[in-house]
């Protein structure tokens, strides 16, 4: 005999809309009604899911109730590079919201200061340190700032990156190659080289490197960016092996095209629509969606996860 139990937490249901909506438990509907509704959802997902371009909304946009769950990082220090806007800012704010004391880094001083203000407005702890990821001495200063300000370093997110020129490999400008590799690949190496000793002194920690979906596939006219992001994934896996037994976990995330100020400024309505069309979910990602994954990887909830690459891509790589 099938025993039906109410689902715990917030679950699926809005069949007519074609995407998940939020209901607050406990259910007022009968168990049979719940089962029928779930079967309908499963049928929609399996057989008639919303078409590409249906603009399925991000889950984080749905209302959530306040909870009394303990914060994840109450006694830990973190640093986030490229935190002056977009994905980096979202990550810094999310880590701080979970209790981490955050060193915010960027070459954009006004953007970095704005991130710090946003964190402090939410009762978080943060300081800004200007740093260029392509300069080894700046990475050293960042790690030292975390130790000096907050007593150690437990979490590092190497997020700083640039796009670079658009040209075929045979015509790609040398200075563009050097700059992209310098920030997007060497910058991650320089960061880890300074972060790891500080984490060892702190008893261990977690490093999350922000790669890209283009760390797994090619993309025309972006040879430097693609090469750098593939390199980040390889560097991540190698460092994970080297430090797994010493209580440092190293993982990478691979965002697809995310709705950031850079995307908004550098694309037209037509080109943004083309980018949307690359994603089976029919929309661009949100910075907060990347931040949620990075937060999980940085926490003890991911304590047996290292050397992994996680895509945040709306189905891009499944095609």
Protein backbone atom coordinates (compact mmCIF):
# COMPACT_ATOMS: atom_id res chain seq x y z
CA UNK A 1 0.00 0.00 0.00
CA UNK A 2 1.35 3.39 -0.97
CA UNK A 3 1.75 5.68 1.99
CA UNK A 4 1.60 9.36 1.11
CA UNK A 5 3.41 11.81 3.34
CA UNK A 6 3.42 15.62 3.12
CA UNK A 7 6.67 16.88 1.61
CA UNK A 8 8.92 18.86 3.91
CA UNK A 9 9.98 22.33 2.89
CA UNK A 10 8.91 24.28 -0.19
CA UNK A 11 7.98 22.16 -3.15
CA UNK A 12 6.73 22.09 -6.67
CA UNK A 13 3.30 22.69 -7.91
CA UNK A 14 2.32 25.44 -10.33
CA UNK A 15 1.33 23.25 -13.26
CA UNK A 16 -0.47 25.93 -15.19
CA UNK A 17 2.53 28.25 -15.15
CA UNK A 18 4.92 25.54 -16.31
CA UNK A 19 7.46 26.07 -13.56
CA UNK A 20 7.90 25.50 -9.85
CA UNK A 21 6.09 27.80 -7.47
CA UNK A 22 6.32 28.05 -3.71
CA UNK A 23 3.84 26.62 -1.22
CA UNK A 24 4.22 26.83 2.53
CA UNK A 25 3.90 23.57 4.45
CA UNK A 26 1.86 21.95 5.82
CA UNK A 27 -0.39 21.29 2.83
CA UNK A 28 -4.08 21.96 3.12
CA UNK A 29 -4.81 19.77 0.09
CA UNK A 30 -5.57 16.08 0.40
CA UNK A 31 -2.85 13.46 -0.20
CA UNK A 32 -4.61 12.37 -3.39
CA UNK A 33 -4.67 15.93 -4.69
CA UNK A 34 -0.99 16.24 -3.91
CA UNK A 35 -0.22 13.05 -5.81
CA UNK A 36 -2.26 14.10 -8.83
CA UNK A 37 -0.58 17.47 -8.90
CA UNK A 38 2.89 15.92 -8.65
CA UNK A 39 2.12 13.50 -11.48
CA UNK A 40 1.00 16.44 -13.60
CA UNK A 41 4.23 18.29 -12.82
CA UNK A 42 6.28 15.23 -13.70
CA UNK A 43 4.37 14.87 -16.96
CA UNK A 44 4.99 18.48 -17.83
CA UNK A 45 8.69 18.20 -17.03
CA UNK A 46 9.10 14.97 -18.96
CA UNK A 47 6.86 15.59 -21.93
CA UNK A 48 5.91 19.20 -22.42
CA UNK A 49 8.34 21.38 -20.54
CA UNK A 50 8.42 25.09 -21.38
CA UNK A 51 10.10 25.78 -24.70
CA UNK A 52 13.44 27.48 -25.01
CA UNK A 53 12.87 31.16 -24.41
CA UNK A 54 10.03 30.62 -21.93
CA UNK A 55 11.94 32.70 -19.40
CA UNK A 56 11.72 30.34 -16.44
CA UNK A 57 12.28 32.54 -13.38
CA UNK A 58 15.14 31.95 -10.93
CA UNK A 59 14.12 30.21 -7.73
CA UNK A 60 15.81 32.88 -5.60
CA UNK A 61 13.32 35.44 -6.93
CA UNK A 62 10.52 33.64 -5.13
CA UNK A 63 9.59 34.80 -1.61
CA UNK A 64 11.20 32.89 1.25
CA UNK A 65 10.42 33.11 4.92
CA UNK A 66 13.02 34.12 7.45
CA UNK A 67 14.54 31.15 9.29
CA UNK A 68 16.45 30.79 12.52
CA UNK A 69 19.06 28.43 11.07
CA UNK A 70 22.59 29.10 12.34
CA UNK A 71 24.84 30.88 9.89
CA UNK A 72 27.50 28.83 8.11
CA UNK A 73 30.64 30.92 8.63
CA UNK A 74 30.36 32.62 12.00
CA UNK A 75 34.08 32.45 12.86
CA UNK A 76 35.69 32.37 9.41
CA UNK A 77 37.48 34.87 7.20
CA UNK A 78 37.03 34.99 3.45
CA UNK A 79 38.43 36.89 0.52
CA UNK A 80 36.74 37.41 -2.84
CA UNK A 81 38.50 38.84 -5.88
CA UNK A 82 36.60 40.76 -8.54
CA UNK A 83 34.00 41.63 -5.90
CA UNK A 84 33.28 45.17 -7.08
CA UNK A 85 30.20 44.13 -9.07
CA UNK A 86 28.26 41.27 -10.57
CA UNK A 87 29.08 37.71 -9.53
CA UNK A 88 31.88 38.71 -7.17
CA UNK A 89 29.68 41.17 -5.29
CA UNK A 90 26.90 38.60 -4.97
CA UNK A 91 29.37 36.04 -3.60
CA UNK A 92 30.86 38.48 -1.09
CA UNK A 93 27.42 39.50 0.13
CA UNK A 94 26.23 35.91 0.45
CA UNK A 95 29.33 34.81 2.37
CA UNK A 96 28.94 37.80 4.69
CA UNK A 97 25.24 37.05 5.15
CA UNK A 98 26.29 33.61 6.36
CA UNK A 99 28.61 35.14 8.92
CA UNK A 100 31.98 35.31 7.18
CA UNK A 101 34.24 38.34 7.60
CA UNK A 102 35.10 39.28 4.02
CA UNK A 103 38.06 40.93 2.33
CA UNK A 104 36.54 42.49 -0.78
CA UNK A 105 38.98 42.94 -3.66
CA UNK A 106 38.80 44.60 -7.05
CA UNK A 107 40.68 47.06 -9.23
CA UNK A 108 37.52 49.20 -9.16
CA UNK A 109 37.80 51.07 -5.88
CA UNK A 110 34.35 52.66 -6.03
CA UNK A 111 32.70 49.33 -6.84
CA UNK A 112 34.59 47.58 -4.07
CA UNK A 113 33.65 50.26 -1.57
CA UNK A 114 30.02 49.93 -2.62
CA UNK A 115 30.15 46.18 -1.97
CA UNK A 116 31.57 46.81 1.50
CA UNK A 117 28.82 49.32 2.24
CA UNK A 118 26.18 46.84 1.12
CA UNK A 119 27.62 44.17 3.43
CA UNK A 120 27.86 46.54 6.37
CA UNK A 121 24.30 47.72 5.78
CA UNK A 122 23.26 44.10 6.33
CA UNK A 123 25.24 43.94 9.60
CA UNK A 124 28.14 42.08 8.00
CA UNK A 125 31.89 42.58 8.38
CA UNK A 126 34.00 43.55 5.37
CA UNK A 127 37.01 45.58 4.30
CA UNK A 128 38.12 46.59 0.82
CA UNK A 129 41.64 46.04 -0.51
CA UNK A 130 42.44 47.18 -4.02
CA UNK A 131 44.24 44.46 -5.96
CA UNK A 132 45.08 43.54 -9.53
CA UNK A 133 44.83 39.76 -9.85
CA UNK A 134 47.58 39.71 -12.48
CA UNK A 135 50.13 41.03 -9.96
CA UNK A 136 51.55 38.38 -7.58
CA UNK A 137 52.38 40.98 -4.95
CA UNK A 138 48.72 42.05 -4.83
CA UNK A 139 47.63 38.48 -4.14
CA UNK A 140 50.14 38.30 -1.32
CA UNK A 141 48.79 41.54 0.14
CA UNK A 142 45.22 40.21 0.00
CA UNK A 143 46.02 37.07 1.97
CA UNK A 144 47.99 39.13 4.47
CA UNK A 145 45.05 41.54 4.84
CA UNK A 146 42.70 38.68 5.73
CA UNK A 147 45.07 37.46 8.41
CA UNK A 148 45.72 40.95 9.77
CA UNK A 149 42.08 42.07 9.78
CA UNK A 150 40.30 38.86 10.72
CA UNK A 151 42.91 36.56 12.23
CA UNK A 152 43.25 34.02 9.44
CA UNK A 153 41.97 32.84 6.09
CA UNK A 154 39.44 30.04 5.67
CA UNK A 155 37.64 30.79 2.40
CA UNK A 156 38.97 32.18 -0.88
CA UNK A 157 37.04 32.81 -4.07
CA UNK A 158 39.15 33.61 -7.11
CA UNK A 159 36.59 35.35 -9.27
CA UNK A 160 38.43 38.23 -10.97
CA UNK A 161 38.41 37.94 -14.74
CA UNK A 162 38.18 39.82 -18.03
CA UNK A 163 36.75 39.00 -21.45
CA UNK A 164 39.48 40.13 -23.80
CA UNK A 165 39.53 40.81 -27.54
CA UNK A 166 37.34 38.98 -30.05
CA UNK A 167 39.33 37.52 -32.96
CA UNK A 168 40.24 34.16 -34.52
CA UNK A 169 43.30 32.43 -33.08
CA UNK A 170 45.40 33.25 -36.15
CA UNK A 171 44.68 36.96 -35.76
CA UNK A 172 44.45 37.26 -31.98
CA UNK A 173 46.44 40.24 -30.64
CA UNK A 174 49.41 39.20 -28.54
CA UNK A 175 48.85 41.89 -25.93
CA UNK A 176 45.26 40.72 -25.55
CA UNK A 177 46.40 37.13 -25.05
CA UNK A 178 48.91 38.14 -22.40
CA UNK A 179 46.41 40.27 -20.51
CA UNK A 180 43.64 37.64 -20.48
CA UNK A 181 45.98 34.84 -19.45
CA UNK A 182 47.55 37.15 -16.85
CA UNK A 183 44.26 37.91 -15.12
CA UNK A 184 42.14 34.83 -15.77
CA UNK A 185 44.71 32.06 -15.31
CA UNK A 186 47.89 33.43 -13.75
CA UNK A 187 45.74 35.50 -11.40
CA UNK A 188 44.10 32.35 -10.06
CA UNK A 189 47.51 30.70 -9.62
CA UNK A 190 48.96 33.74 -7.86
CA UNK A 191 45.93 33.84 -5.60
CA UNK A 192 46.11 30.18 -4.64
CA UNK A 193 49.86 30.33 -4.11
CA UNK A 194 49.31 32.94 -1.39
CA UNK A 195 45.99 31.68 -0.05
CA UNK A 196 47.10 28.09 0.57
CA UNK A 197 49.87 28.90 3.09
CA UNK A 198 47.50 31.21 4.98
CA UNK A 199 44.84 28.48 5.06
CA UNK A 200 47.32 25.90 6.30
CA UNK A 201 48.18 28.26 9.15
CA UNK A 202 44.45 28.60 9.85
CA UNK A 203 43.88 24.84 10.01
CA UNK A 204 42.46 24.34 6.51
CA UNK A 205 39.84 25.89 4.31
CA UNK A 206 38.07 26.03 0.97
CA UNK A 207 39.08 27.62 -2.32
CA UNK A 208 36.54 28.13 -5.10
CA UNK A 209 37.83 29.19 -8.49
CA UNK A 210 35.35 30.79 -10.85
CA UNK A 211 35.94 29.21 -14.25
CA UNK A 212 33.23 29.18 -16.93
CA UNK A 213 31.24 26.89 -19.17
CA UNK A 214 34.04 27.79 -21.58
CA UNK A 215 36.36 25.82 -19.33
CA UNK A 216 34.69 22.76 -20.85
CA UNK A 217 33.97 23.68 -24.48
CA UNK A 218 35.26 25.96 -27.22
CA UNK A 219 33.87 29.32 -28.30
CA UNK A 220 34.74 31.12 -31.52
CA UNK A 221 36.94 34.21 -31.39
CA UNK A 222 37.74 33.79 -27.68
CA UNK A 223 40.86 31.63 -27.70
CA UNK A 224 42.56 33.37 -24.76
CA UNK A 225 39.49 33.27 -22.54
CA UNK A 226 38.74 29.64 -23.37
CA UNK A 227 42.36 28.59 -22.84
CA UNK A 228 42.50 30.40 -19.50
CA UNK A 229 39.28 28.88 -18.19
CA UNK A 230 40.32 25.37 -19.24
CA UNK A 231 43.54 26.07 -17.38
CA UNK A 232 41.66 27.11 -14.25
CA UNK A 233 39.82 23.78 -14.19
CA UNK A 234 43.10 21.86 -14.53
CA UNK A 235 44.78 23.97 -11.88
CA UNK A 236 41.83 23.42 -9.54
CA UNK A 237 41.95 19.64 -9.89
CA UNK A 238 45.72 19.51 -9.42
CA UNK A 239 45.72 21.66 -6.27
CA UNK A 240 42.80 19.63 -4.89
CA UNK A 241 44.90 16.47 -5.12
CA UNK A 242 47.91 18.13 -3.57
CA UNK A 243 46.09 19.50 -0.52
CA UNK A 244 43.21 17.09 0.08
CA UNK A 245 45.03 15.41 2.97
CA UNK A 246 45.90 18.79 4.48
CA UNK A 247 42.30 19.95 4.97
CA UNK A 248 42.10 22.33 2.03
CA UNK A 249 39.38 21.70 -0.54
CA UNK A 250 39.64 23.24 -4.01
CA UNK A 251 36.72 23.34 -6.44
CA UNK A 252 35.64 25.26 -9.52
CA UNK A 253 32.32 26.60 -10.73
CA UNK A 254 31.45 27.20 -14.35
CA UNK A 255 28.86 29.93 -14.92
CA UNK A 256 27.21 30.30 -18.29
CA UNK A 257 26.19 33.79 -19.44
CA UNK A 258 25.11 35.65 -16.32
CA UNK A 259 23.10 38.86 -16.17
CA UNK A 260 25.75 41.23 -14.84
CA UNK A 261 26.43 44.95 -15.39
CA UNK A 262 29.14 43.95 -17.88
CA UNK A 263 26.67 41.96 -19.98
CA UNK A 264 24.09 44.73 -19.78
CA UNK A 265 26.57 47.38 -20.91
CA UNK A 266 28.34 45.39 -23.61
CA UNK A 267 25.36 43.89 -25.45
CA UNK A 268 22.40 45.15 -27.43
CA UNK A 269 18.86 43.87 -27.03
CA UNK A 270 19.41 41.72 -30.09
CA UNK A 271 22.69 40.23 -28.90
CA UNK A 272 21.27 39.59 -25.42
CA UNK A 273 18.37 37.74 -27.00
CA UNK A 274 20.91 35.63 -28.90
CA UNK A 275 22.70 34.83 -25.64
CA UNK A 276 19.42 33.87 -24.00
CA UNK A 277 18.77 31.50 -26.87
CA UNK A 278 21.93 29.55 -26.05
CA UNK A 279 20.46 28.38 -22.74
CA UNK A 280 17.75 25.69 -22.65
CA UNK A 281 16.14 27.37 -19.63
CA UNK A 282 15.42 30.38 -21.82
CA UNK A 283 17.09 33.08 -19.74
CA UNK A 284 20.44 34.34 -18.52
CA UNK A 285 21.64 33.31 -15.09
CA UNK A 286 21.60 35.55 -12.04
CA UNK A 287 24.69 36.40 -10.01
CA UNK A 288 22.96 35.21 -6.85
CA UNK A 289 22.52 31.75 -8.35
CA UNK A 290 26.27 31.44 -8.75
CA UNK A 291 26.78 32.80 -5.23
CA UNK A 292 24.53 30.13 -3.74
CA UNK A 293 26.67 27.36 -5.22
CA UNK A 294 29.92 29.02 -4.18
CA UNK A 295 28.57 29.41 -0.64
CA UNK A 296 27.71 25.73 -0.45
CA UNK A 297 31.12 24.69 -1.76
CA UNK A 298 32.78 26.98 0.78
CA UNK A 299 30.86 25.46 3.68
CA UNK A 300 31.14 22.28 5.72
CA UNK A 301 28.06 21.03 3.91
CA UNK A 302 30.46 20.24 1.04
CA UNK A 303 33.08 18.67 3.33
CA UNK A 304 33.66 15.64 1.05
CA UNK A 305 33.76 17.67 -2.17
CA UNK A 306 37.08 18.58 -3.72
CA UNK A 307 38.60 18.67 -7.20
CA UNK A 308 35.15 19.10 -8.73
CA UNK A 309 33.78 21.35 -11.46
CA UNK A 310 30.14 22.47 -11.14
CA UNK A 311 28.36 24.17 -14.02
CA UNK A 312 25.80 26.90 -13.32
CA UNK A 313 24.53 27.09 -16.86
CA UNK A 314 20.80 26.66 -17.38
CA UNK A 315 21.48 23.48 -19.33
CA UNK A 316 24.07 24.95 -21.70
CA UNK A 317 26.53 22.06 -21.43
CA UNK A 318 23.82 19.40 -21.70
CA UNK A 319 23.24 20.21 -25.38
